[in-house]
Amino acid sequence: MKKILTAVVAVAIAAGCNKGELPSTTYDHFLSNLTAVCNQSFAGTVTANEPDIGDDPFHGQKLVMHVRECSDSQVKIPFHVGDDHSRTWVVTRTADGLQLKHDHRHFDGAEDALSMYGGETKDSGSVKRQEFPVDQFSMDLFQKEGINASTTNVWAMEIEPGRYFRYELFRPDGRLFRVEFDLTKTVETPPAPWGYPELPAKK
């Protein structure tokens, strides 16, 4: 019996180390955790913003995330900051993992000069947390716009089903920004993010 149990454990470990299976499982489960709250909105609070950058656009503002559009391969999450509806997080399943992009728009829907920046996962992460180191497109964009510090950005998303969702930005120079959303209760859905159509009314 002991030999049988040992063999079973060995097979389980080998399966867990199979690079062709583990990333697919964690990435897809992470997306499933997001789609489980599709069409719902939640209030958030900034829990870290270091160092103090002075003119903080989030201070005193109502923060709301809306899990607005979901499919098996993509989730779009507008992040509303008071009356500023310019931000949408776009999480996409790729052949190698997950990609995070920041879709930034003006009031008229036009794309901002700093838009569609982000990164892609470099490892399997976990079903609860995924990290997105800055990609080459974004580094080139940041350099073009004179924001060289952002060329080392790493973004992260973390979800504990039924408890919280966290969005995070960090980098080696000590920059840390984190906002946490309470998944235990929903809030009123905000208007459509800039550049996106209003969703049809629910019947």
N, C-alpha and C. Protein backbone atom coordinates (compact mmCIF):
# COMPACT_ATOMS: atom_id res chain seq x y z
N MET A 1 0.83 -1.20 0.00
CA MET A 1 0.00 0.00 0.00
C MET A 1 0.87 1.25 0.00
N LYS A 2 1.95 1.24 0.78
CA LYS A 2 2.83 2.39 0.86
C LYS A 2 3.43 2.70 -0.50
N LYS A 3 3.82 1.63 -1.24
CA LYS A 3 4.40 1.84 -2.57
C LYS A 3 3.38 2.44 -3.52
N ILE A 4 2.12 2.01 -3.38
CA ILE A 4 1.07 2.53 -4.25
C ILE A 4 0.86 4.02 -3.99
N LEU A 5 0.80 4.41 -2.70
CA LEU A 5 0.62 5.81 -2.36
C LEU A 5 1.77 6.66 -2.85
N THR A 6 2.98 6.12 -2.72
CA THR A 6 4.16 6.84 -3.20
C THR A 6 4.09 7.08 -4.70
N ALA A 7 3.63 6.07 -5.42
CA ALA A 7 3.51 6.18 -6.87
C ALA A 7 2.47 7.23 -7.25
N VAL A 8 1.36 7.25 -6.50
CA VAL A 8 0.30 8.22 -6.78
C VAL A 8 0.80 9.64 -6.56
N VAL A 9 1.52 9.86 -5.47
CA VAL A 9 2.07 11.17 -5.17
C VAL A 9 3.04 11.60 -6.27
N ALA A 10 3.88 10.66 -6.71
CA ALA A 10 4.86 10.97 -7.76
C ALA A 10 4.17 11.40 -9.04
N VAL A 11 3.08 10.69 -9.39
CA VAL A 11 2.34 11.04 -10.60
C VAL A 11 1.72 12.44 -10.45
N ALA A 12 1.18 12.73 -9.26
CA ALA A 12 0.56 14.03 -9.03
C ALA A 12 1.57 15.15 -9.15
N ILE A 13 2.77 14.93 -8.60
CA ILE A 13 3.82 15.95 -8.68
C ILE A 13 4.24 16.16 -10.12
N ALA A 14 4.38 15.05 -10.83
CA ALA A 14 4.78 15.15 -12.23
C ALA A 14 3.74 15.91 -13.04
N ALA A 15 2.47 15.66 -12.75
CA ALA A 15 1.40 16.36 -13.47
C ALA A 15 1.43 17.85 -13.15
N GLY A 16 1.72 18.18 -11.89
CA GLY A 16 1.77 19.57 -11.49
C GLY A 16 2.93 20.31 -12.11
N CYS A 17 3.97 19.59 -12.50
CA CYS A 17 5.14 20.22 -13.10
C CYS A 17 5.04 20.28 -14.62
N ASN A 18 4.00 19.76 -15.17
CA ASN A 18 3.82 19.76 -16.61
C ASN A 18 3.52 21.18 -17.07
N LYS A 19 4.47 21.82 -17.72
CA LYS A 19 4.31 23.22 -18.10
C LYS A 19 3.19 23.41 -19.10
N GLY A 20 2.84 22.36 -19.83
CA GLY A 20 1.77 22.49 -20.81
C GLY A 20 0.40 22.53 -20.16
N GLU A 21 0.29 22.08 -18.89
CA GLU A 21 -1.02 22.00 -18.24
C GLU A 21 -1.20 23.07 -17.16
N LEU A 22 -0.17 23.31 -16.35
CA LEU A 22 -0.32 24.20 -15.20
C LEU A 22 -0.71 25.62 -15.57
N PRO A 23 -0.01 26.28 -16.52
CA PRO A 23 -0.41 27.64 -16.86
C PRO A 23 -1.85 27.72 -17.34
N SER A 24 -2.26 26.78 -18.18
CA SER A 24 -3.63 26.79 -18.70
C SER A 24 -4.63 26.71 -17.55
N THR A 25 -4.36 25.86 -16.58
CA THR A 25 -5.27 25.70 -15.46
C THR A 25 -5.36 26.98 -14.62
N THR A 26 -4.23 27.54 -14.24
CA THR A 26 -4.25 28.72 -13.39
C THR A 26 -4.81 29.93 -14.12
N TYR A 27 -4.41 30.15 -15.34
CA TYR A 27 -4.90 31.30 -16.10
C TYR A 27 -6.42 31.22 -16.30
N ASP A 28 -6.89 30.05 -16.71
CA ASP A 28 -8.31 29.91 -16.98
C ASP A 28 -9.15 30.00 -15.71
N HIS A 29 -8.63 29.46 -14.61
CA HIS A 29 -9.35 29.56 -13.35
C HIS A 29 -9.38 31.01 -12.86
N PHE A 30 -8.29 31.74 -13.08
CA PHE A 30 -8.25 33.15 -12.70
C PHE A 30 -9.31 33.92 -13.47
N LEU A 31 -9.39 33.69 -14.78
CA LEU A 31 -10.41 34.34 -15.58
C LEU A 31 -11.81 33.95 -15.12
N SER A 32 -11.99 32.69 -14.75
CA SER A 32 -13.29 32.23 -14.27
C SER A 32 -13.70 32.96 -13.00
N ASN A 33 -12.71 33.23 -12.13
CA ASN A 33 -13.02 33.98 -10.91
C ASN A 33 -13.54 35.37 -11.24
N LEU A 34 -13.00 35.97 -12.32
CA LEU A 34 -13.47 37.29 -12.73
C LEU A 34 -14.85 37.22 -13.37
N THR A 35 -15.04 36.28 -14.28
CA THR A 35 -16.32 36.19 -14.98
C THR A 35 -17.46 35.79 -14.04
N ALA A 36 -17.12 35.20 -12.89
CA ALA A 36 -18.14 34.82 -11.92
C ALA A 36 -18.88 36.04 -11.36
N VAL A 37 -18.24 37.22 -11.45
CA VAL A 37 -18.89 38.44 -10.96
C VAL A 37 -19.20 39.38 -12.13
N CYS A 38 -19.36 38.83 -13.32
CA CYS A 38 -19.67 39.65 -14.49
C CYS A 38 -21.00 40.37 -14.30
N ASN A 39 -21.07 41.58 -14.85
CA ASN A 39 -22.27 42.43 -14.77
C ASN A 39 -22.52 42.98 -13.37
N GLN A 40 -21.52 42.91 -12.52
CA GLN A 40 -21.65 43.45 -11.17
C GLN A 40 -20.63 44.55 -10.94
N SER A 41 -20.95 45.47 -10.02
CA SER A 41 -20.07 46.60 -9.69
C SER A 41 -19.79 46.60 -8.19
N PHE A 42 -18.56 47.06 -7.85
CA PHE A 42 -18.14 47.02 -6.46
C PHE A 42 -17.35 48.28 -6.11
N ALA A 43 -17.50 48.73 -4.89
CA ALA A 43 -16.81 49.92 -4.41
C ALA A 43 -15.40 49.56 -3.94
N GLY A 44 -14.48 50.52 -4.11
CA GLY A 44 -13.09 50.27 -3.75
C GLY A 44 -12.51 51.34 -2.86
N THR A 45 -11.36 51.00 -2.27
CA THR A 45 -10.62 51.91 -1.41
C THR A 45 -9.14 51.79 -1.72
N VAL A 46 -8.44 52.90 -1.82
CA VAL A 46 -6.99 52.86 -2.01
C VAL A 46 -6.36 52.42 -0.70
N THR A 47 -5.61 51.32 -0.74
CA THR A 47 -4.97 50.79 0.47
C THR A 47 -3.46 51.01 0.48
N ALA A 48 -2.90 51.46 -0.63
CA ALA A 48 -1.48 51.80 -0.68
C ALA A 48 -1.26 52.79 -1.81
N ASN A 49 -0.47 53.83 -1.54
CA ASN A 49 -0.11 54.81 -2.56
C ASN A 49 1.20 55.45 -2.15
N GLU A 50 2.28 54.76 -2.47
CA GLU A 50 3.61 55.17 -2.00
C GLU A 50 4.55 55.35 -3.19
N PRO A 51 5.44 56.35 -3.12
CA PRO A 51 5.44 57.43 -2.12
C PRO A 51 4.32 58.41 -2.38
N ASP A 52 4.13 59.34 -1.46
CA ASP A 52 3.09 60.36 -1.60
C ASP A 52 3.41 61.21 -2.83
N ILE A 53 2.52 61.17 -3.84
CA ILE A 53 2.79 61.89 -5.07
C ILE A 53 2.16 63.28 -5.08
N GLY A 54 1.60 63.69 -3.96
CA GLY A 54 1.06 65.04 -3.85
C GLY A 54 -0.32 65.16 -4.46
N ASP A 55 -0.40 65.53 -5.72
CA ASP A 55 -1.68 65.72 -6.40
C ASP A 55 -2.26 64.35 -6.74
N ASP A 56 -3.02 63.81 -5.81
CA ASP A 56 -3.56 62.45 -5.93
C ASP A 56 -4.95 62.48 -6.56
N PRO A 57 -5.12 61.97 -7.79
CA PRO A 57 -6.43 62.02 -8.45
C PRO A 57 -7.47 61.10 -7.82
N PHE A 58 -7.02 60.20 -6.92
CA PHE A 58 -7.95 59.25 -6.31
C PHE A 58 -8.47 59.72 -4.95
N HIS A 59 -7.80 60.71 -4.37
CA HIS A 59 -8.17 61.15 -3.02
C HIS A 59 -9.57 61.75 -2.99
N GLY A 60 -10.41 61.24 -2.07
CA GLY A 60 -11.74 61.76 -1.89
C GLY A 60 -12.73 61.39 -2.98
N GLN A 61 -12.32 60.54 -3.92
CA GLN A 61 -13.19 60.15 -5.03
C GLN A 61 -13.88 58.81 -4.75
N LYS A 62 -15.06 58.66 -5.30
CA LYS A 62 -15.76 57.37 -5.23
C LYS A 62 -15.13 56.44 -6.26
N LEU A 63 -14.65 55.28 -5.82
CA LEU A 63 -13.97 54.34 -6.71
C LEU A 63 -14.87 53.13 -6.93
N VAL A 64 -15.13 52.81 -8.19
CA VAL A 64 -16.02 51.69 -8.51
C VAL A 64 -15.44 50.90 -9.69
N MET A 65 -15.41 49.59 -9.55
CA MET A 65 -15.07 48.72 -10.68
C MET A 65 -16.35 48.05 -11.17
N HIS A 66 -16.45 47.91 -12.49
CA HIS A 66 -17.63 47.27 -13.08
C HIS A 66 -17.13 46.16 -14.00
N VAL A 67 -17.39 44.92 -13.65
CA VAL A 67 -17.00 43.79 -14.51
C VAL A 67 -18.03 43.75 -15.63
N ARG A 68 -17.70 44.42 -16.72
CA ARG A 68 -18.72 44.82 -17.70
C ARG A 68 -18.92 43.85 -18.86
N GLU A 69 -17.84 43.34 -19.41
CA GLU A 69 -17.91 42.46 -20.58
C GLU A 69 -17.06 41.22 -20.33
N CYS A 70 -17.64 40.06 -20.53
CA CYS A 70 -16.93 38.81 -20.23
C CYS A 70 -17.13 37.78 -21.34
N SER A 71 -16.05 37.09 -21.64
CA SER A 71 -16.11 35.93 -22.53
C SER A 71 -15.10 34.92 -22.01
N ASP A 72 -14.96 33.80 -22.70
CA ASP A 72 -14.00 32.79 -22.27
C ASP A 72 -12.56 33.28 -22.41
N SER A 73 -12.34 34.32 -23.23
CA SER A 73 -10.98 34.75 -23.50
C SER A 73 -10.69 36.19 -23.10
N GLN A 74 -11.71 36.94 -22.66
CA GLN A 74 -11.45 38.35 -22.34
C GLN A 74 -12.47 38.89 -21.34
N VAL A 75 -11.97 39.76 -20.45
CA VAL A 75 -12.82 40.45 -19.49
C VAL A 75 -12.46 41.94 -19.53
N LYS A 76 -13.48 42.80 -19.62
CA LYS A 76 -13.26 44.24 -19.60
C LYS A 76 -13.86 44.81 -18.32
N ILE A 77 -13.02 45.56 -17.59
CA ILE A 77 -13.40 46.07 -16.28
C ILE A 77 -13.17 47.58 -16.23
N PRO A 78 -14.18 48.39 -16.46
CA PRO A 78 -14.02 49.83 -16.27
C PRO A 78 -13.73 50.15 -14.80
N PHE A 79 -12.81 51.10 -14.60
CA PHE A 79 -12.46 51.56 -13.26
C PHE A 79 -12.85 53.04 -13.19
N HIS A 80 -13.93 53.32 -12.47
CA HIS A 80 -14.50 54.67 -12.41
C HIS A 80 -13.94 55.40 -11.19
N VAL A 81 -13.43 56.60 -11.42
CA VAL A 81 -12.89 57.43 -10.35
C VAL A 81 -13.72 58.71 -10.29
N GLY A 82 -14.70 58.72 -9.40
CA GLY A 82 -15.62 59.85 -9.36
C GLY A 82 -16.35 59.98 -10.68
N ASP A 83 -16.28 61.17 -11.29
CA ASP A 83 -16.92 61.41 -12.58
C ASP A 83 -15.97 61.15 -13.75
N ASP A 84 -14.81 60.61 -13.45
CA ASP A 84 -13.83 60.27 -14.49
C ASP A 84 -14.06 58.82 -14.92
N HIS A 85 -14.55 58.66 -16.13
CA HIS A 85 -14.87 57.32 -16.65
C HIS A 85 -13.92 56.94 -17.79
N SER A 86 -12.66 57.33 -17.64
CA SER A 86 -11.70 57.20 -18.74
C SER A 86 -10.95 55.87 -18.76
N ARG A 87 -11.04 55.07 -17.68
CA ARG A 87 -10.18 53.91 -17.53
C ARG A 87 -10.94 52.59 -17.68
N THR A 88 -10.37 51.68 -18.47
CA THR A 88 -10.91 50.32 -18.57
C THR A 88 -9.75 49.33 -18.58
N TRP A 89 -9.79 48.38 -17.66
CA TRP A 89 -8.80 47.30 -17.67
C TRP A 89 -9.29 46.20 -18.60
N VAL A 90 -8.40 45.72 -19.45
CA VAL A 90 -8.74 44.67 -20.40
C VAL A 90 -7.83 43.48 -20.15
N VAL A 91 -8.40 42.38 -19.68
CA VAL A 91 -7.64 41.15 -19.40
C VAL A 91 -7.97 40.13 -20.49
N THR A 92 -6.94 39.68 -21.20
CA THR A 92 -7.14 38.80 -22.35
C THR A 92 -6.34 37.52 -22.19
N ARG A 93 -6.96 36.40 -22.49
CA ARG A 93 -6.27 35.11 -22.50
C ARG A 93 -5.49 35.00 -23.81
N THR A 94 -4.20 34.74 -23.71
CA THR A 94 -3.36 34.57 -24.88
C THR A 94 -2.91 33.11 -24.97
N ALA A 95 -2.17 32.79 -26.01
CA ALA A 95 -1.68 31.42 -26.16
C ALA A 95 -0.71 31.05 -25.04
N ASP A 96 -0.04 32.06 -24.46
CA ASP A 96 0.98 31.79 -23.45
C ASP A 96 0.58 32.17 -22.03
N GLY A 97 -0.54 32.82 -21.85
CA GLY A 97 -0.92 33.23 -20.50
C GLY A 97 -2.02 34.26 -20.52
N LEU A 98 -1.79 35.37 -19.79
CA LEU A 98 -2.77 36.46 -19.71
C LEU A 98 -2.09 37.78 -20.04
N GLN A 99 -2.85 38.67 -20.63
CA GLN A 99 -2.37 40.01 -20.95
C GLN A 99 -3.28 41.04 -20.28
N LEU A 100 -2.68 42.07 -19.71
CA LEU A 100 -3.43 43.18 -19.14
C LEU A 100 -3.12 44.45 -19.92
N LYS A 101 -4.16 45.13 -20.38
CA LYS A 101 -4.01 46.41 -21.05
C LYS A 101 -4.88 47.45 -20.36
N HIS A 102 -4.44 48.71 -20.43
CA HIS A 102 -5.17 49.84 -19.85
C HIS A 102 -5.69 50.69 -21.00
N ASP A 103 -7.00 50.63 -21.21
CA ASP A 103 -7.65 51.40 -22.27
C ASP A 103 -8.07 52.75 -21.68
N HIS A 104 -7.40 53.82 -22.10
CA HIS A 104 -7.69 55.15 -21.58
C HIS A 104 -8.31 56.01 -22.68
N ARG A 105 -9.44 56.61 -22.38
CA ARG A 105 -10.17 57.42 -23.36
C ARG A 105 -10.49 58.80 -22.81
N HIS A 106 -10.71 59.73 -23.75
CA HIS A 106 -11.20 61.06 -23.39
C HIS A 106 -12.74 61.03 -23.36
N PHE A 107 -13.31 62.12 -22.90
CA PHE A 107 -14.76 62.21 -22.78
C PHE A 107 -15.47 61.93 -24.11
N ASP A 108 -14.84 62.37 -25.22
CA ASP A 108 -15.46 62.16 -26.53
C ASP A 108 -15.19 60.77 -27.10
N GLY A 109 -14.52 59.92 -26.33
CA GLY A 109 -14.23 58.57 -26.78
C GLY A 109 -12.90 58.40 -27.46
N ALA A 110 -12.24 59.51 -27.77
CA ALA A 110 -10.93 59.43 -28.44
C ALA A 110 -9.90 58.79 -27.52
N GLU A 111 -9.00 58.03 -28.10
CA GLU A 111 -7.97 57.36 -27.32
C GLU A 111 -6.96 58.35 -26.78
N ASP A 112 -6.59 58.19 -25.53
CA ASP A 112 -5.58 59.04 -24.91
C ASP A 112 -4.20 58.71 -25.48
N ALA A 113 -3.28 59.66 -25.38
CA ALA A 113 -1.91 59.41 -25.84
C ALA A 113 -1.29 58.25 -25.08
N LEU A 114 -1.66 58.13 -23.81
CA LEU A 114 -1.19 57.00 -22.99
C LEU A 114 -2.34 56.01 -22.86
N SER A 115 -2.37 55.04 -23.77
CA SER A 115 -3.45 54.05 -23.76
C SER A 115 -2.93 52.72 -24.27
N MET A 116 -3.62 51.67 -23.86
CA MET A 116 -3.31 50.30 -24.25
C MET A 116 -1.92 49.86 -23.80
N TYR A 117 -1.43 50.47 -22.74
CA TYR A 117 -0.18 50.00 -22.14
C TYR A 117 -0.50 48.89 -21.14
N GLY A 118 0.50 48.10 -20.82
CA GLY A 118 0.30 47.00 -19.88
C GLY A 118 1.40 45.97 -19.99
N GLY A 119 1.04 44.71 -19.77
CA GLY A 119 2.05 43.67 -19.80
C GLY A 119 1.42 42.30 -19.88
N GLU A 120 2.30 41.28 -19.90
CA GLU A 120 1.85 39.89 -19.99
C GLU A 120 2.49 39.07 -18.88
N THR A 121 1.78 38.03 -18.47
CA THR A 121 2.30 37.15 -17.43
C THR A 121 3.57 36.46 -17.91
N LYS A 122 4.49 36.23 -16.97
CA LYS A 122 5.74 35.54 -17.28
C LYS A 122 5.82 34.16 -16.63
N ASP A 123 4.91 33.88 -15.71
CA ASP A 123 4.84 32.56 -15.09
C ASP A 123 3.38 32.23 -14.84
N SER A 124 3.12 31.07 -14.28
CA SER A 124 1.75 30.60 -14.14
C SER A 124 0.95 31.34 -13.07
N GLY A 125 1.63 32.04 -12.15
CA GLY A 125 0.91 32.73 -11.10
C GLY A 125 0.06 31.78 -10.30
N SER A 126 -1.14 32.21 -9.94
CA SER A 126 -2.05 31.33 -9.21
C SER A 126 -3.47 31.66 -9.62
N VAL A 127 -4.42 30.86 -9.15
CA VAL A 127 -5.82 31.11 -9.49
C VAL A 127 -6.31 32.40 -8.83
N LYS A 128 -5.58 32.91 -7.84
CA LYS A 128 -6.00 34.13 -7.14
C LYS A 128 -5.22 35.37 -7.56
N ARG A 129 -3.95 35.20 -7.97
CA ARG A 129 -3.12 36.38 -8.26
C ARG A 129 -2.31 36.17 -9.53
N GLN A 130 -2.32 37.20 -10.39
CA GLN A 130 -1.52 37.21 -11.60
C GLN A 130 -0.76 38.53 -11.68
N GLU A 131 0.50 38.45 -12.12
CA GLU A 131 1.33 39.64 -12.27
C GLU A 131 1.67 39.86 -13.74
N PHE A 132 1.75 41.15 -14.13
CA PHE A 132 1.93 41.51 -15.53
C PHE A 132 3.09 42.49 -15.67
N PRO A 133 4.32 42.01 -15.86
CA PRO A 133 5.45 42.90 -16.09
C PRO A 133 5.26 43.68 -17.39
N VAL A 134 5.74 44.91 -17.40
CA VAL A 134 5.57 45.80 -18.54
C VAL A 134 6.09 45.16 -19.84
N ASP A 135 5.35 45.33 -20.93
CA ASP A 135 5.78 44.76 -22.21
C ASP A 135 6.53 45.81 -23.04
N GLN A 136 7.10 45.36 -24.16
CA GLN A 136 7.94 46.24 -24.96
C GLN A 136 7.15 47.40 -25.55
N PHE A 137 5.93 47.14 -26.00
CA PHE A 137 5.09 48.22 -26.54
C PHE A 137 4.95 49.34 -25.52
N SER A 138 4.70 48.96 -24.28
CA SER A 138 4.48 49.94 -23.22
C SER A 138 5.76 50.68 -22.88
N MET A 139 6.87 49.97 -22.83
CA MET A 139 8.15 50.64 -22.56
C MET A 139 8.44 51.69 -23.61
N ASP A 140 8.21 51.34 -24.87
CA ASP A 140 8.44 52.30 -25.96
C ASP A 140 7.51 53.50 -25.81
N LEU A 141 6.25 53.25 -25.45
CA LEU A 141 5.28 54.32 -25.28
C LEU A 141 5.67 55.25 -24.13
N PHE A 142 6.07 54.67 -23.01
CA PHE A 142 6.46 55.47 -21.85
C PHE A 142 7.68 56.34 -22.17
N GLN A 143 8.65 55.75 -22.88
CA GLN A 143 9.85 56.51 -23.25
C GLN A 143 9.48 57.65 -24.20
N LYS A 144 8.59 57.38 -25.13
CA LYS A 144 8.14 58.41 -26.07
C LYS A 144 7.48 59.57 -25.34
N GLU A 145 6.70 59.25 -24.30
CA GLU A 145 5.98 60.27 -23.54
C GLU A 145 6.79 60.84 -22.38
N GLY A 146 8.05 60.43 -22.26
CA GLY A 146 8.92 60.97 -21.23
C GLY A 146 8.62 60.48 -19.83
N ILE A 147 8.06 59.27 -19.72
CA ILE A 147 7.74 58.69 -18.40
C ILE A 147 8.65 57.48 -18.19
N ASN A 148 9.93 57.71 -18.10
CA ASN A 148 10.90 56.62 -18.06
C ASN A 148 10.77 55.74 -16.83
N ALA A 149 10.32 56.31 -15.71
CA ALA A 149 10.18 55.51 -14.49
C ALA A 149 9.21 54.35 -14.68
N SER A 150 8.22 54.54 -15.56
CA SER A 150 7.20 53.51 -15.76
C SER A 150 7.67 52.34 -16.61
N THR A 151 8.88 52.43 -17.14
CA THR A 151 9.38 51.32 -17.98
C THR A 151 9.72 50.08 -17.16
N THR A 152 9.65 50.20 -15.82
CA THR A 152 9.88 49.03 -14.96
C THR A 152 8.60 48.61 -14.23
N ASN A 153 7.47 49.11 -14.68
CA ASN A 153 6.19 48.80 -14.03
C ASN A 153 5.89 47.30 -14.02
N VAL A 154 5.27 46.87 -12.95
CA VAL A 154 4.65 45.54 -12.88
C VAL A 154 3.26 45.77 -12.31
N TRP A 155 2.25 45.28 -13.01
CA TRP A 155 0.88 45.37 -12.52
C TRP A 155 0.46 43.99 -11.99
N ALA A 156 -0.48 43.98 -11.09
CA ALA A 156 -0.98 42.72 -10.56
C ALA A 156 -2.48 42.84 -10.32
N MET A 157 -3.16 41.71 -10.45
CA MET A 157 -4.56 41.60 -10.09
C MET A 157 -4.71 40.40 -9.18
N GLU A 158 -5.51 40.57 -8.15
CA GLU A 158 -5.69 39.50 -7.17
C GLU A 158 -7.18 39.42 -6.81
N ILE A 159 -7.72 38.23 -6.80
CA ILE A 159 -9.13 38.07 -6.46
C ILE A 159 -9.31 36.91 -5.50
N GLU A 160 -10.01 37.20 -4.42
CA GLU A 160 -10.44 36.20 -3.45
C GLU A 160 -11.95 36.13 -3.59
N PRO A 161 -12.47 35.10 -4.28
CA PRO A 161 -13.91 35.06 -4.56
C PRO A 161 -14.75 35.25 -3.30
N GLY A 162 -15.75 36.14 -3.44
CA GLY A 162 -16.63 36.40 -2.32
C GLY A 162 -16.07 37.33 -1.26
N ARG A 163 -14.81 37.80 -1.47
CA ARG A 163 -14.19 38.67 -0.47
C ARG A 163 -13.68 39.98 -1.06
N TYR A 164 -12.68 39.90 -1.96
CA TYR A 164 -12.09 41.14 -2.47
C TYR A 164 -11.47 40.93 -3.85
N PHE A 165 -11.28 42.05 -4.54
CA PHE A 165 -10.49 42.13 -5.77
C PHE A 165 -9.49 43.25 -5.56
N ARG A 166 -8.24 43.01 -5.92
CA ARG A 166 -7.20 44.03 -5.78
C ARG A 166 -6.52 44.30 -7.12
N TYR A 167 -6.28 45.56 -7.38
CA TYR A 167 -5.48 45.99 -8.52
C TYR A 167 -4.24 46.66 -7.95
N GLU A 168 -3.08 46.35 -8.52
CA GLU A 168 -1.83 46.82 -7.92
C GLU A 168 -0.83 47.22 -9.00
N LEU A 169 -0.06 48.25 -8.71
CA LEU A 169 1.09 48.67 -9.52
C LEU A 169 2.28 48.79 -8.60
N PHE A 170 3.39 48.16 -9.00
CA PHE A 170 4.61 48.32 -8.20
C PHE A 170 5.82 48.31 -9.13
N ARG A 171 6.93 48.85 -8.63
CA ARG A 171 8.17 48.83 -9.39
C ARG A 171 9.37 48.95 -8.43
N PRO A 172 10.57 48.67 -8.91
CA PRO A 172 11.75 48.60 -8.03
C PRO A 172 12.10 49.90 -7.32
N ASP A 173 11.66 51.05 -7.85
CA ASP A 173 12.02 52.32 -7.21
C ASP A 173 11.18 52.61 -5.96
N GLY A 174 10.33 51.66 -5.57
CA GLY A 174 9.53 51.83 -4.37
C GLY A 174 8.11 52.27 -4.61
N ARG A 175 7.75 52.52 -5.85
CA ARG A 175 6.38 52.91 -6.17
C ARG A 175 5.43 51.75 -5.90
N LEU A 176 4.37 52.01 -5.16
CA LEU A 176 3.35 51.00 -4.87
C LEU A 176 1.99 51.67 -4.82
N PHE A 177 1.10 51.21 -5.68
CA PHE A 177 -0.28 51.67 -5.66
C PHE A 177 -1.18 50.45 -5.63
N ARG A 178 -2.16 50.47 -4.71
CA ARG A 178 -3.08 49.34 -4.62
C ARG A 178 -4.47 49.85 -4.26
N VAL A 179 -5.46 49.33 -4.97
CA VAL A 179 -6.85 49.64 -4.63
C VAL A 179 -7.58 48.32 -4.45
N GLU A 180 -8.37 48.24 -3.38
CA GLU A 180 -9.07 47.00 -3.05
C GLU A 180 -10.58 47.22 -3.12
N PHE A 181 -11.27 46.28 -3.77
CA PHE A 181 -12.71 46.37 -3.95
C PHE A 181 -13.39 45.28 -3.11
N ASP A 182 -14.48 45.66 -2.48
CA ASP A 182 -15.23 44.77 -1.59
C ASP A 182 -16.22 43.96 -2.42
N LEU A 183 -15.98 42.65 -2.53
CA LEU A 183 -16.85 41.79 -3.31
C LEU A 183 -18.02 41.23 -2.52
N THR A 184 -18.14 41.63 -1.25
CA THR A 184 -19.23 41.09 -0.43
C THR A 184 -20.56 41.79 -0.70
N LYS A 185 -20.50 42.95 -1.37
CA LYS A 185 -21.74 43.64 -1.69
C LYS A 185 -21.58 44.46 -2.96
N THR A 186 -22.61 44.46 -3.77
CA THR A 186 -22.58 45.20 -5.03
C THR A 186 -23.05 46.64 -4.81
N VAL A 187 -22.70 47.49 -5.78
CA VAL A 187 -23.14 48.89 -5.75
C VAL A 187 -23.79 49.20 -7.09
N GLU A 188 -24.38 50.38 -7.18
CA GLU A 188 -25.05 50.79 -8.41
C GLU A 188 -24.05 50.84 -9.56
N THR A 189 -24.46 50.33 -10.71
CA THR A 189 -23.59 50.31 -11.88
C THR A 189 -23.39 51.72 -12.43
N PRO A 190 -22.14 52.13 -12.63
CA PRO A 190 -21.86 53.47 -13.17
C PRO A 190 -22.26 53.56 -14.65
N PRO A 191 -22.20 54.76 -15.21
CA PRO A 191 -22.47 54.90 -16.65
C PRO A 191 -21.38 54.20 -17.47
N ALA A 192 -21.61 54.10 -18.77
CA ALA A 192 -20.62 53.46 -19.63
C ALA A 192 -19.30 54.21 -19.58
N PRO A 193 -18.19 53.49 -19.62
CA PRO A 193 -16.91 54.19 -19.69
C PRO A 193 -16.80 54.95 -21.00
N TRP A 194 -16.04 56.02 -21.00
CA TRP A 194 -15.90 56.84 -22.20
C TRP A 194 -15.39 55.99 -23.36
N GLY A 195 -16.03 56.16 -24.51
CA GLY A 195 -15.64 55.42 -25.70
C GLY A 195 -16.36 54.11 -25.87
N TYR A 196 -17.21 53.74 -24.91
CA TYR A 196 -17.95 52.48 -24.97
C TYR A 196 -19.46 52.78 -25.02
N PRO A 197 -20.23 51.94 -25.73
CA PRO A 197 -21.68 52.17 -25.78
C PRO A 197 -22.34 51.77 -24.46
N GLU A 198 -23.49 52.35 -24.22
CA GLU A 198 -24.27 51.93 -23.06
C GLU A 198 -24.75 50.49 -23.30
N LEU A 199 -24.78 49.71 -22.23
CA LEU A 199 -25.27 48.34 -22.36
C LEU A 199 -26.78 48.34 -22.46
N PRO A 200 -27.34 47.39 -23.19
CA PRO A 200 -28.82 47.33 -23.27
C PRO A 200 -29.42 47.08 -21.90
N ALA A 201 -30.59 47.65 -21.68
CA ALA A 201 -31.26 47.49 -20.38
C ALA A 201 -31.63 46.03 -20.16
N LYS A 202 -31.50 45.59 -18.92
CA LYS A 202 -31.87 44.21 -18.58
C LYS A 202 -33.38 44.05 -18.60
N LYS A 203 -33.85 42.93 -19.14
CA LYS A 203 -35.28 42.68 -19.20
C LYS A 203 -35.72 41.87 -17.99
